[in-house]
Amino acid sequence: MHSFLTEDQWAQYDEDGYIKLGKLLSDNELGALQQRIDDIMLGTAEIDYSRILMQLDSTTGKYNDAGEQSKGWKGKTLAYRKIQDLELDSLFGEYTNRPIFKEICERMYGDTTPIGCFRAMFMNKPSKQGTYLPWHQDAWTALDRQPLITLWTALDPATKANGCVEVIPRSHKMGLINPNHASGFLTEELAAEYCPKDKVVYLELEPGEVALLHNWLLHSSDINHTDVSRRAFSVCYMDGNTVASNGETFTRLFEAVPA
């Protein structure tokens, strides 16, 4: 059976909490996803917008100044910060089901565990704009078990200058640092302690490149200081049996292998 990742790659991931997987999109596939997300932002895509969470970017760069996160289209602009529920879109949904992602999920959760999607979302830092994302771990108090992994695909060049993801290698080994925060965000005091500048690695990626991230890896991102947008597609894969505190269940992406 073909294996997409080597044991050396898994060892690096286990040690650092992240790994670059290389370019997984052809130029044509990349162009199609770029066009689709622009169409969604501009309101011309054939998609049920009432089911799609959309958030406009801030104009100040401050996290708390970003737009409301709610279902529905919010106007014709390429300055959306977040678009979620993209597993419902045919093109993005197909991409989330690639065999390499299935293999990664089986390694992380076991092949007898069904795999669900906590969120499949577009994250954007428009040119000369973008919202600063404070240091945090991806962890949620509203879930009965924690998702472990995120696959992050660059749709544009992701560089230090335009707000690429910043990480603290090996921080996933610390466990949850601020477990009482609903979304795993650190206080300013904790960020100063755990995220000193000399430990930061800038996760720069070429368009079409993919990174595998452990959800407890401390990460952040700056605003975009360039004329080049920083569009990305991020998918958090979870145990498909996960239930939220409000009773919500989640879209299944891969079913378990029969025992």
C-alpha atoms as a PDB file:
ATOM      1  CA  MET A   1       0.000   0.000   0.000  1.00  0.00           C
ATOM      2  CA  HIS A   2       1.364   3.410  -0.989  1.00  0.00           C
ATOM      3  CA  SER A   3       2.226   5.719   1.896  1.00  0.00           C
ATOM      4  CA  PHE A   4       2.296   9.465   1.315  1.00  0.00           C
ATOM      5  CA  LEU A   5       4.436  10.353   4.350  1.00  0.00           C
ATOM      6  CA  THR A   6       7.654   8.664   5.415  1.00  0.00           C
ATOM      7  CA  GLU A   7       8.447   7.657   8.981  1.00  0.00           C
ATOM      8  CA  ASP A   8      11.114  10.380   9.025  1.00  0.00           C
ATOM      9  CA  GLN A   9       8.445  12.947   8.179  1.00  0.00           C
ATOM     10  CA  TRP A  10       6.200  11.649  10.943  1.00  0.00           C
ATOM     11  CA  ALA A  11       9.107  11.795  13.380  1.00  0.00           C
ATOM     12  CA  GLN A  12       9.730  15.436  12.443  1.00  0.00           C
ATOM     13  CA  TYR A  13       6.036  16.219  12.880  1.00  0.00           C
ATOM     14  CA  ASP A  14       5.954  14.507  16.276  1.00  0.00           C
ATOM     15  CA  GLU A  15       8.989  16.517  17.393  1.00  0.00           C
ATOM     16  CA  ASP A  16       8.146  19.966  16.003  1.00  0.00           C
ATOM     17  CA  GLY A  17       4.352  19.918  15.861  1.00  0.00           C
ATOM     18  CA  TYR A  18       4.255  20.797  12.169  1.00  0.00           C
ATOM     19  CA  ILE A  19       5.661  19.709   8.833  1.00  0.00           C
ATOM     20  CA  LYS A  20       5.599  21.007   5.268  1.00  0.00           C
ATOM     21  CA  LEU A  21       4.096  18.474   2.859  1.00  0.00           C
ATOM     22  CA  GLY A  22       5.179  20.210  -0.337  1.00  0.00           C
ATOM     23  CA  LYS A  23       3.024  21.350  -3.238  1.00  0.00           C
ATOM     24  CA  LEU A  24      -0.122  19.217  -3.450  1.00  0.00           C
ATOM     25  CA  LEU A  25      -1.997  21.321  -6.013  1.00  0.00           C
ATOM     26  CA  SER A  26      -1.223  21.521  -9.711  1.00  0.00           C
ATOM     27  CA  ASP A  27      -1.289  24.976 -11.265  1.00  0.00           C
ATOM     28  CA  ASN A  28      -4.717  24.244 -12.769  1.00  0.00           C
ATOM     29  CA  GLU A  29      -6.122  22.967  -9.476  1.00  0.00           C
ATOM     30  CA  LEU A  30      -4.711  25.963  -7.637  1.00  0.00           C
ATOM     31  CA  GLY A  31      -6.175  28.360 -10.178  1.00  0.00           C
ATOM     32  CA  ALA A  32      -9.586  26.727  -9.844  1.00  0.00           C
ATOM     33  CA  LEU A  33      -9.617  27.114  -6.046  1.00  0.00           C
ATOM     34  CA  GLN A  34      -8.403  30.717  -6.308  1.00  0.00           C
ATOM     35  CA  GLN A  35     -11.179  31.536  -8.758  1.00  0.00           C
ATOM     36  CA  ARG A  36     -13.817  29.743  -6.695  1.00  0.00           C
ATOM     37  CA  ILE A  37     -13.038  31.616  -3.492  1.00  0.00           C
ATOM     38  CA  ASP A  38     -13.021  34.936  -5.354  1.00  0.00           C
ATOM     39  CA  ASP A  39     -16.404  34.055  -6.877  1.00  0.00           C
ATOM     40  CA  ILE A  40     -17.746  33.237  -3.408  1.00  0.00           C
ATOM     41  CA  MET A  41     -16.514  36.585  -2.070  1.00  0.00           C
ATOM     42  CA  LEU A  42     -17.985  38.467  -5.021  1.00  0.00           C
ATOM     43  CA  GLY A  43     -21.354  36.750  -4.650  1.00  0.00           C
ATOM     44  CA  THR A  44     -21.351  34.971  -8.021  1.00  0.00           C
ATOM     45  CA  ALA A  45     -20.772  31.374  -6.891  1.00  0.00           C
ATOM     46  CA  GLU A  46     -23.489  28.735  -7.064  1.00  0.00           C
ATOM     47  CA  ILE A  47     -23.552  28.051  -3.339  1.00  0.00           C
ATOM     48  CA  ASP A  48     -26.155  28.354  -0.603  1.00  0.00           C
ATOM     49  CA  TYR A  49     -24.829  31.449   1.150  1.00  0.00           C
ATOM     50  CA  SER A  50     -27.310  31.025   3.990  1.00  0.00           C
ATOM     51  CA  ARG A  51     -25.276  28.014   5.149  1.00  0.00           C
ATOM     52  CA  ILE A  52     -21.848  29.673   4.869  1.00  0.00           C
ATOM     53  CA  LEU A  53     -20.260  31.617   7.738  1.00  0.00           C
ATOM     54  CA  MET A  54     -18.601  34.791   6.440  1.00  0.00           C
ATOM     55  CA  GLN A  55     -16.620  37.517   8.201  1.00  0.00           C
ATOM     56  CA  LEU A  56     -15.282  40.756   6.773  1.00  0.00           C
ATOM     57  CA  ASP A  57     -11.709  41.755   7.522  1.00  0.00           C
ATOM     58  CA  SER A  58     -10.923  44.546   9.945  1.00  0.00           C
ATOM     59  CA  THR A  59      -9.791  47.899   8.578  1.00  0.00           C
ATOM     60  CA  THR A  60      -7.591  48.582  11.613  1.00  0.00           C
ATOM     61  CA  GLY A  61      -5.681  45.290  11.790  1.00  0.00           C
ATOM     62  CA  LYS A  62      -7.034  44.671  15.298  1.00  0.00           C
ATOM     63  CA  TYR A  63      -8.557  41.247  15.977  1.00  0.00           C
ATOM     64  CA  ASN A  64     -11.543  42.630  17.878  1.00  0.00           C
ATOM     65  CA  ASP A  65     -12.360  45.016  15.008  1.00  0.00           C
ATOM     66  CA  ALA A  66     -12.983  42.266  12.450  1.00  0.00           C
ATOM     67  CA  GLY A  67     -16.557  41.931  11.205  1.00  0.00           C
ATOM     68  CA  GLU A  68     -19.313  39.804  12.671  1.00  0.00           C
ATOM     69  CA  GLN A  69     -18.954  36.060  12.149  1.00  0.00           C
ATOM     70  CA  SER A  70     -22.363  34.953  10.909  1.00  0.00           C
ATOM     71  CA  LYS A  71     -24.016  33.020   8.081  1.00  0.00           C
ATOM     72  CA  GLY A  72     -24.649  34.816   4.819  1.00  0.00           C
ATOM     73  CA  TRP A  73     -22.995  36.995   2.186  1.00  0.00           C
ATOM     74  CA  LYS A  74     -21.931  40.455   3.342  1.00  0.00           C
ATOM     75  CA  GLY A  75     -21.360  42.280   0.100  1.00  0.00           C
ATOM     76  CA  LYS A  76     -19.220  42.239  -3.031  1.00  0.00           C
ATOM     77  CA  THR A  77     -15.615  42.566  -1.865  1.00  0.00           C
ATOM     78  CA  LEU A  78     -12.358  40.619  -1.825  1.00  0.00           C
ATOM     79  CA  ALA A  79     -11.747  41.846   1.725  1.00  0.00           C
ATOM     80  CA  TYR A  80     -13.303  38.960   3.611  1.00  0.00           C
ATOM     81  CA  ARG A  81     -11.207  37.685   6.516  1.00  0.00           C
ATOM     82  CA  LYS A  82     -12.873  34.289   7.021  1.00  0.00           C
ATOM     83  CA  ILE A  83     -15.281  32.092   5.081  1.00  0.00           C
ATOM     84  CA  GLN A  84     -16.240  28.860   6.835  1.00  0.00           C
ATOM     85  CA  ASP A  85     -18.336  25.751   6.027  1.00  0.00           C
ATOM     86  CA  LEU A  86     -16.525  25.265   2.721  1.00  0.00           C
ATOM     87  CA  GLU A  87     -16.856  21.489   3.023  1.00  0.00           C
ATOM     88  CA  LEU A  88     -20.327  22.239   1.584  1.00  0.00           C
ATOM     89  CA  ASP A  89     -18.795  23.629  -1.620  1.00  0.00           C
ATOM     90  CA  SER A  90     -18.240  21.030  -4.339  1.00  0.00           C
ATOM     91  CA  LEU A  91     -14.694  22.101  -5.246  1.00  0.00           C
ATOM     92  CA  PHE A  92     -13.325  22.734  -1.770  1.00  0.00           C
ATOM     93  CA  GLY A  93     -15.247  19.730  -0.431  1.00  0.00           C
ATOM     94  CA  GLU A  94     -13.614  17.448  -2.990  1.00  0.00           C
ATOM     95  CA  TYR A  95     -10.180  18.738  -2.012  1.00  0.00           C
ATOM     96  CA  THR A  96     -10.743  17.938   1.687  1.00  0.00           C
ATOM     97  CA  ASN A  97     -11.215  14.256   0.754  1.00  0.00           C
ATOM     98  CA  ARG A  98      -7.836  13.659  -0.849  1.00  0.00           C
ATOM     99  CA  PRO A  99      -6.196  10.308  -0.035  1.00  0.00           C
ATOM    100  CA  ILE A 100      -3.177  11.953   1.605  1.00  0.00           C
ATOM    101  CA  PHE A 101      -5.460  13.685   4.097  1.00  0.00           C
ATOM    102  CA  LYS A 102      -7.268  10.419   4.790  1.00  0.00           C
ATOM    103  CA  GLU A 103      -3.946   8.716   5.490  1.00  0.00           C
ATOM    104  CA  ILE A 104      -2.926  11.489   7.898  1.00  0.00           C
ATOM    105  CA  CYS A 105      -6.250  11.213   9.724  1.00  0.00           C
ATOM    106  CA  GLU A 106      -5.903   7.444  10.047  1.00  0.00           C
ATOM    107  CA  ARG A 107      -2.430   7.891  11.500  1.00  0.00           C
ATOM    108  CA  MET A 108      -3.641  10.458  14.022  1.00  0.00           C
ATOM    109  CA  TYR A 109      -7.029   8.989  14.986  1.00  0.00           C
ATOM    110  CA  GLY A 110      -6.790   5.337  13.955  1.00  0.00           C
ATOM    111  CA  ASP A 111      -8.495   3.691  10.987  1.00  0.00           C
ATOM    112  CA  THR A 112     -11.476   2.583  13.092  1.00  0.00           C
ATOM    113  CA  THR A 113     -12.438   6.191  13.870  1.00  0.00           C
ATOM    114  CA  PRO A 114     -14.745   8.092  11.494  1.00  0.00           C
ATOM    115  CA  ILE A 115     -13.330  11.490  10.561  1.00  0.00           C
ATOM    116  CA  GLY A 116     -15.354  14.687  10.717  1.00  0.00           C
ATOM    117  CA  CYS A 117     -14.731  18.287   9.767  1.00  0.00           C
ATOM    118  CA  PHE A 118     -14.737  20.824  12.565  1.00  0.00           C
ATOM    119  CA  ARG A 119     -14.191  23.648  10.127  1.00  0.00           C
ATOM    120  CA  ALA A 120     -13.105  23.992   6.519  1.00  0.00           C
ATOM    121  CA  MET A 121     -12.374  27.650   6.079  1.00  0.00           C
ATOM    122  CA  PHE A 122     -10.807  30.270   3.897  1.00  0.00           C
ATOM    123  CA  MET A 123      -8.510  32.655   5.735  1.00  0.00           C
ATOM    124  CA  ASN A 124      -7.517  35.878   4.017  1.00  0.00           C
ATOM    125  CA  LYS A 125      -5.202  38.812   4.548  1.00  0.00           C
ATOM    126  CA  PRO A 126      -6.019  41.240   1.730  1.00  0.00           C
ATOM    127  CA  SER A 127      -3.241  43.383   0.294  1.00  0.00           C
ATOM    128  CA  LYS A 128      -2.155  46.194   2.644  1.00  0.00           C
ATOM    129  CA  GLN A 129      -4.769  44.986   5.108  1.00  0.00           C
ATOM    130  CA  GLY A 130      -5.301  41.846   7.183  1.00  0.00           C
ATOM    131  CA  THR A 131      -6.083  41.261  10.834  1.00  0.00           C
ATOM    132  CA  TYR A 132      -3.471  40.431  13.453  1.00  0.00           C
ATOM    133  CA  LEU A 133      -4.169  36.980  14.906  1.00  0.00           C
ATOM    134  CA  PRO A 134      -3.026  36.734  18.556  1.00  0.00           C
ATOM    135  CA  TRP A 135      -1.052  33.767  19.886  1.00  0.00           C
ATOM    136  CA  HIS A 136      -3.232  30.749  20.571  1.00  0.00           C
ATOM    137  CA  GLN A 137      -3.686  27.013  20.327  1.00  0.00           C
ATOM    138  CA  ASP A 138      -6.598  25.533  18.388  1.00  0.00           C
ATOM    139  CA  ALA A 139      -8.654  24.109  21.264  1.00  0.00           C
ATOM    140  CA  TRP A 140     -12.309  24.557  22.128  1.00  0.00           C
ATOM    141  CA  THR A 141     -14.053  24.146  25.468  1.00  0.00           C
ATOM    142  CA  ALA A 142     -17.422  23.542  23.743  1.00  0.00           C
ATOM    143  CA  LEU A 143     -16.340  20.159  22.325  1.00  0.00           C
ATOM    144  CA  ASP A 144     -16.452  16.840  24.131  1.00  0.00           C
ATOM    145  CA  ARG A 145     -13.034  15.921  22.679  1.00  0.00           C
ATOM    146  CA  GLN A 146     -10.309  17.978  21.053  1.00  0.00           C
ATOM    147  CA  PRO A 147      -9.520  17.930  17.320  1.00  0.00           C
ATOM    148  CA  LEU A 148      -5.830  17.223  16.793  1.00  0.00           C
ATOM    149  CA  ILE A 149      -4.799  18.323  13.317  1.00  0.00           C
ATOM    150  CA  THR A 150      -5.159  21.065  10.736  1.00  0.00           C
ATOM    151  CA  LEU A 151      -4.138  20.953   7.071  1.00  0.00           C
ATOM    152  CA  TRP A 152      -3.256  24.458   5.858  1.00  0.00           C
ATOM    153  CA  THR A 153      -3.036  25.105   2.094  1.00  0.00           C
ATOM    154  CA  ALA A 154      -1.502  28.295   0.705  1.00  0.00           C
ATOM    155  CA  LEU A 155      -3.518  29.773  -2.159  1.00  0.00           C
ATOM    156  CA  ASP A 156      -1.064  32.692  -2.498  1.00  0.00           C
ATOM    157  CA  PRO A 157       2.565  33.072  -1.457  1.00  0.00           C
ATOM    158  CA  ALA A 158       2.619  33.071   2.351  1.00  0.00           C
ATOM    159  CA  THR A 159       5.579  35.177   3.460  1.00  0.00           C
ATOM    160  CA  LYS A 160       6.762  36.947   6.581  1.00  0.00           C
ATOM    161  CA  ALA A 161       5.891  40.252   4.912  1.00  0.00           C
ATOM    162  CA  ASN A 162       2.283  39.361   4.044  1.00  0.00           C
ATOM    163  CA  GLY A 163       1.330  37.655   7.292  1.00  0.00           C
ATOM    164  CA  CYS A 164       2.284  33.980   7.070  1.00  0.00           C
ATOM    165  CA  VAL A 165       1.576  31.717  10.017  1.00  0.00           C
ATOM    166  CA  GLU A 166       4.109  32.060  12.841  1.00  0.00           C
ATOM    167  CA  VAL A 167       4.707  29.057  15.103  1.00  0.00           C
ATOM    168  CA  ILE A 168       6.598  28.067  18.237  1.00  0.00           C
ATOM    169  CA  PRO A 169       8.125  24.667  17.420  1.00  0.00           C
ATOM    170  CA  ARG A 170       7.524  21.876  19.955  1.00  0.00           C
ATOM    171  CA  SER A 171       4.961  23.938  21.871  1.00  0.00           C
ATOM    172  CA  HIS A 172       2.330  21.247  21.187  1.00  0.00           C
ATOM    173  CA  LYS A 173       4.120  19.132  23.804  1.00  0.00           C
ATOM    174  CA  MET A 174       3.167  21.584  26.565  1.00  0.00           C
ATOM    175  CA  GLY A 175      -0.490  20.582  26.580  1.00  0.00           C
ATOM    176  CA  LEU A 176      -3.185  23.248  26.755  1.00  0.00           C
ATOM    177  CA  ILE A 177      -1.625  26.404  28.156  1.00  0.00           C
ATOM    178  CA  ASN A 178      -4.813  28.380  28.751  1.00  0.00           C
ATOM    179  CA  PRO A 179      -7.453  25.615  28.905  1.00  0.00           C
ATOM    180  CA  ASN A 180     -10.210  27.839  30.270  1.00  0.00           C
ATOM    181  CA  HIS A 181     -10.307  30.099  27.203  1.00  0.00           C
ATOM    182  CA  ALA A 182     -13.136  29.039  24.884  1.00  0.00           C
ATOM    183  CA  SER A 183     -10.837  29.024  21.830  1.00  0.00           C
ATOM    184  CA  GLY A 184      -7.380  28.465  23.310  1.00  0.00           C
ATOM    185  CA  PHE A 185      -6.127  32.058  23.148  1.00  0.00           C
ATOM    186  CA  LEU A 186      -3.269  33.135  25.402  1.00  0.00           C
ATOM    187  CA  THR A 187      -3.311  36.164  27.644  1.00  0.00           C
ATOM    188  CA  GLU A 188      -0.719  38.843  26.890  1.00  0.00           C
ATOM    189  CA  GLU A 189       1.273  37.632  29.895  1.00  0.00           C
ATOM    190  CA  LEU A 190       1.246  34.012  28.707  1.00  0.00           C
ATOM    191  CA  ALA A 191       2.142  35.057  25.159  1.00  0.00           C
ATOM    192  CA  ALA A 192       5.139  36.998  26.455  1.00  0.00           C
ATOM    193  CA  GLU A 193       6.255  33.934  28.429  1.00  0.00           C
ATOM    194  CA  TYR A 194       5.683  31.206  25.856  1.00  0.00           C
ATOM    195  CA  CYS A 195       6.180  33.053  22.547  1.00  0.00           C
ATOM    196  CA  PRO A 196       9.429  35.057  22.712  1.00  0.00           C
ATOM    197  CA  LYS A 197      10.576  36.432  19.359  1.00  0.00           C
ATOM    198  CA  ASP A 198      13.731  34.323  19.329  1.00  0.00           C
ATOM    199  CA  LYS A 199      11.640  31.129  19.249  1.00  0.00           C
ATOM    200  CA  VAL A 200       9.297  32.155  16.411  1.00  0.00           C
ATOM    201  CA  VAL A 201       9.463  30.298  13.091  1.00  0.00           C
ATOM    202  CA  TYR A 202       7.789  31.877  10.068  1.00  0.00           C
ATOM    203  CA  LEU A 203       5.945  29.200   8.116  1.00  0.00           C
ATOM    204  CA  GLU A 204       6.490  30.550   4.616  1.00  0.00           C
ATOM    205  CA  LEU A 205       4.835  28.587   1.806  1.00  0.00           C
ATOM    206  CA  GLU A 206       4.544  28.788  -1.964  1.00  0.00           C
ATOM    207  CA  PRO A 207       1.084  28.761  -3.596  1.00  0.00           C
ATOM    208  CA  GLY A 208      -0.236  25.210  -3.588  1.00  0.00           C
ATOM    209  CA  GLU A 209       2.010  24.097  -0.724  1.00  0.00           C
ATOM    210  CA  VAL A 210       0.461  22.444   2.316  1.00  0.00           C
ATOM    211  CA  ALA A 211       1.471  22.291   5.972  1.00  0.00           C
ATOM    212  CA  LEU A 212       0.289  19.805   8.591  1.00  0.00           C
ATOM    213  CA  LEU A 213      -0.135  21.437  12.004  1.00  0.00           C
ATOM    214  CA  HIS A 214      -0.841  19.957  15.410  1.00  0.00           C
ATOM    215  CA  ASN A 215      -3.737  21.956  16.841  1.00  0.00           C
ATOM    216  CA  TRP A 216      -1.903  22.595  20.110  1.00  0.00           C
ATOM    217  CA  LEU A 217       1.063  24.166  18.321  1.00  0.00           C
ATOM    218  CA  LEU A 218       1.201  27.811  19.374  1.00  0.00           C
ATOM    219  CA  HIS A 219       0.623  30.007  16.354  1.00  0.00           C
ATOM    220  CA  SER A 220      -0.118  33.578  15.341  1.00  0.00           C
ATOM    221  CA  SER A 221       0.017  35.796  12.235  1.00  0.00           C
ATOM    222  CA  ASP A 222       0.646  39.455  11.464  1.00  0.00           C
ATOM    223  CA  ILE A 223      -1.171  41.865   9.179  1.00  0.00           C
ATOM    224  CA  ASN A 224      -0.287  42.033   5.479  1.00  0.00           C
ATOM    225  CA  HIS A 225       2.348  44.678   4.734  1.00  0.00           C
ATOM    226  CA  THR A 226       2.466  43.980   0.977  1.00  0.00           C
ATOM    227  CA  ASP A 227       0.421  44.364  -2.202  1.00  0.00           C
ATOM    228  CA  VAL A 228       0.061  40.566  -2.467  1.00  0.00           C
ATOM    229  CA  SER A 229      -2.962  38.975  -0.798  1.00  0.00           C
ATOM    230  CA  ARG A 230      -2.427  36.004   1.522  1.00  0.00           C
ATOM    231  CA  ARG A 231      -5.297  33.617   0.825  1.00  0.00           C
ATOM    232  CA  ALA A 232      -5.328  30.149   2.400  1.00  0.00           C
ATOM    233  CA  PHE A 233      -7.619  27.165   2.929  1.00  0.00           C
ATOM    234  CA  SER A 234      -7.493  25.552   6.361  1.00  0.00           C
ATOM    235  CA  VAL A 235      -9.222  22.304   7.346  1.00  0.00           C
ATOM    236  CA  CYS A 236      -9.446  20.989  10.915  1.00  0.00           C
ATOM    237  CA  TYR A 237     -10.024  17.232  10.910  1.00  0.00           C
ATOM    238  CA  MET A 238     -11.607  15.696  14.007  1.00  0.00           C
ATOM    239  CA  ASP A 239     -12.944  12.477  15.493  1.00  0.00           C
ATOM    240  CA  GLY A 240     -16.269  12.138  13.675  1.00  0.00           C
ATOM    241  CA  ASN A 241     -18.018  11.180  16.915  1.00  0.00           C
ATOM    242  CA  THR A 242     -17.355  14.610  18.444  1.00  0.00           C
ATOM    243  CA  VAL A 243     -20.370  16.434  19.862  1.00  0.00           C
ATOM    244  CA  ALA A 244     -20.525  20.107  20.868  1.00  0.00           C
ATOM    245  CA  SER A 245     -22.008  21.239  24.157  1.00  0.00           C
ATOM    246  CA  ASN A 246     -25.095  22.492  22.306  1.00  0.00           C
ATOM    247  CA  GLY A 247     -25.653  19.048  20.808  1.00  0.00           C
ATOM    248  CA  GLU A 248     -24.252  19.926  17.370  1.00  0.00           C
ATOM    249  CA  THR A 249     -22.586  17.151  15.394  1.00  0.00           C
ATOM    250  CA  PHE A 250     -20.271  17.579  12.431  1.00  0.00           C
ATOM    251  CA  THR A 251     -19.955  16.673   8.755  1.00  0.00           C
ATOM    252  CA  ARG A 252     -18.343  13.274   8.181  1.00  0.00           C
ATOM    253  CA  LEU A 253     -15.505  13.288   5.659  1.00  0.00           C
ATOM    254  CA  PHE A 254     -14.162   9.729   6.011  1.00  0.00           C
ATOM    255  CA  GLU A 255     -15.969   6.727   7.448  1.00  0.00           C
ATOM    256  CA  ALA A 256     -14.220   4.218   9.685  1.00  0.00           C
ATOM    257  CA  VAL A 257     -12.742   1.046   8.269  1.00  0.00           C
ATOM    258  CA  PRO A 258     -15.074  -1.844   9.253  1.00  0.00           C
ATOM    259  CA  ALA A 259     -13.632  -3.947  12.072  1.00  0.00           C
END
